Amino acid sequence: MTTVYGIKNCDTIKKTLRWLTDNQIEYTFHDYRKDGIDPTWLDEVLTQVDWELLVNKRGTTYRQLDDSVKASLNANNVAALLLEQPAMIKRPLLSHSGNIELGFKPDIYSELFR
């Protein structure tokens, strides 16, 4: 089963979903804003993905954080912040057969779904 996590109005999410559809790959879309984030799921993702890679530092939500919050962000407190601000999670997060891929990577997707 393939699940794409993100925010529906994100351009990169739209590209990812179009790529999956064009390549006839069935998927489920999980919208962080609409469907929320399960803390247990996030903890599991954080065991597989370095928290610094998971945080979208180029996004508006992160850039608007107070500098003291950015400076104190670490592995112990990042989950709480991501649960509070799901738009800070790098998009898309694609989960397929136990693998997690961050970002839209058509070449890697082609390998993954071969």
Protein backbone atom coordinates (compact mmCIF):
# COMPACT_ATOMS: atom_id res chain seq x y z
CA MET A 1 0.00 0.00 0.00
CA THR A 2 1.25 3.45 -0.90
CA THR A 3 0.33 6.51 1.09
CA VAL A 4 1.25 10.07 0.24
CA TYR A 5 1.29 12.49 3.15
CA GLY A 6 1.12 16.23 2.72
CA ILE A 7 -1.12 19.22 2.17
CA LYS A 8 -3.52 19.13 -0.77
CA ASN A 9 -2.82 22.63 -2.13
CA CYS A 10 0.97 22.09 -2.25
CA ASP A 11 2.34 22.16 -5.81
CA THR A 12 4.81 19.37 -5.08
CA ILE A 13 2.00 17.19 -3.76
CA LYS A 14 0.06 17.85 -6.95
CA LYS A 15 3.09 16.77 -9.04
CA THR A 16 3.50 13.63 -6.96
CA LEU A 17 -0.15 12.61 -7.20
CA ARG A 18 -0.13 13.29 -10.96
CA TRP A 19 3.00 11.14 -11.36
CA LEU A 20 1.44 8.27 -9.40
CA THR A 21 -1.80 8.50 -11.39
CA ASP A 22 0.03 8.72 -14.73
CA ASN A 23 2.02 5.61 -13.77
CA GLN A 24 -1.13 3.76 -12.67
CA ILE A 25 -0.01 3.39 -9.08
CA GLU A 26 -2.75 3.13 -6.50
CA TYR A 27 -2.30 5.35 -3.49
CA THR A 28 -4.05 6.91 -0.55
CA PHE A 29 -3.60 10.59 0.18
CA HIS A 30 -3.39 11.76 3.79
CA ASP A 31 -3.85 15.52 4.21
CA TYR A 32 -2.14 16.71 7.39
CA ARG A 33 -4.53 19.62 7.79
CA LYS A 34 -7.73 17.68 7.12
CA ASP A 35 -6.84 14.27 8.55
CA GLY A 36 -4.44 15.34 11.31
CA ILE A 37 -1.32 13.54 12.44
CA ASP A 38 -1.22 10.51 14.69
CA PRO A 39 1.55 10.98 17.28
CA THR A 40 2.42 7.26 17.12
CA TRP A 41 2.80 7.48 13.33
CA LEU A 42 5.05 10.53 13.66
CA ASP A 43 7.22 8.78 16.27
CA GLU A 44 7.61 5.83 13.87
CA VAL A 45 8.57 8.14 11.00
CA LEU A 46 11.14 9.81 13.23
CA THR A 47 12.76 6.41 13.87
CA GLN A 48 13.24 6.01 10.10
CA VAL A 49 14.00 9.58 8.99
CA ASP A 50 16.45 12.04 10.53
CA TRP A 51 14.39 14.79 12.12
CA GLU A 52 16.49 17.46 10.41
CA LEU A 53 15.51 16.03 7.02
CA LEU A 54 11.85 15.80 8.01
CA VAL A 55 11.57 19.49 8.92
CA ASN A 56 10.93 21.71 5.91
CA LYS A 57 13.26 24.58 6.75
CA ARG A 58 12.57 26.36 3.47
CA GLY A 59 8.84 26.66 4.11
CA THR A 60 7.00 29.72 5.38
CA THR A 61 5.90 28.06 8.62
CA TYR A 62 9.47 27.31 9.67
CA ARG A 63 10.81 30.69 8.59
CA GLN A 64 8.15 32.43 10.69
CA LEU A 65 9.22 30.63 13.87
CA ASP A 66 10.95 32.70 16.50
CA ASP A 67 14.74 32.33 16.25
CA SER A 68 14.86 30.97 19.80
CA VAL A 69 12.50 28.13 18.82
CA LYS A 70 14.61 27.32 15.76
CA ALA A 71 17.80 27.34 17.85
CA SER A 72 16.35 25.03 20.50
CA LEU A 73 14.82 22.53 18.07
CA ASN A 74 16.21 19.03 18.56
CA ALA A 75 15.34 15.33 18.39
CA ASN A 76 13.63 15.47 21.78
CA ASN A 77 11.18 18.28 21.01
CA VAL A 78 10.67 18.19 17.24
CA ALA A 79 7.67 15.82 17.36
CA ALA A 80 5.65 18.20 19.53
CA LEU A 81 6.34 21.07 17.15
CA LEU A 82 5.48 19.01 14.05
CA LEU A 83 2.21 17.88 15.63
CA GLU A 84 1.38 21.52 16.32
CA GLN A 85 2.63 22.75 12.91
CA PRO A 86 2.18 19.91 10.38
CA ALA A 87 2.94 22.25 7.46
CA MET A 88 6.56 22.07 8.64
CA ILE A 89 6.86 18.44 7.56
CA LYS A 90 8.72 18.14 4.24
CA ARG A 91 6.35 17.24 1.43
CA PRO A 92 5.56 14.86 0.08
CA LEU A 93 6.27 12.06 2.45
CA LEU A 94 5.65 8.88 0.49
CA SER A 95 5.29 5.61 2.38
CA HIS A 96 5.49 2.37 0.39
CA SER A 97 6.18 -1.15 1.67
CA GLY A 98 8.00 0.10 4.75
CA ASN A 99 10.06 2.64 2.79
CA ILE A 100 9.77 6.38 3.30
CA GLU A 101 10.79 8.88 0.65
CA LEU A 102 10.82 12.61 1.23
CA GLY A 103 10.24 15.01 -1.63
CA PHE A 104 9.14 14.41 -5.21
CA LYS A 105 11.75 12.14 -6.81
CA PRO A 106 10.47 10.56 -10.04
CA ASP A 107 13.67 8.55 -10.58
CA ILE A 108 13.50 7.01 -7.11
CA TYR A 109 9.74 6.44 -7.47
CA SER A 110 10.38 4.56 -10.73
CA GLU A 111 12.81 2.25 -8.91
CA LEU A 112 10.50 1.86 -5.92
CA PHE A 113 7.49 0.84 -8.02
CA ARG A 114 9.33 -1.34 -10.51
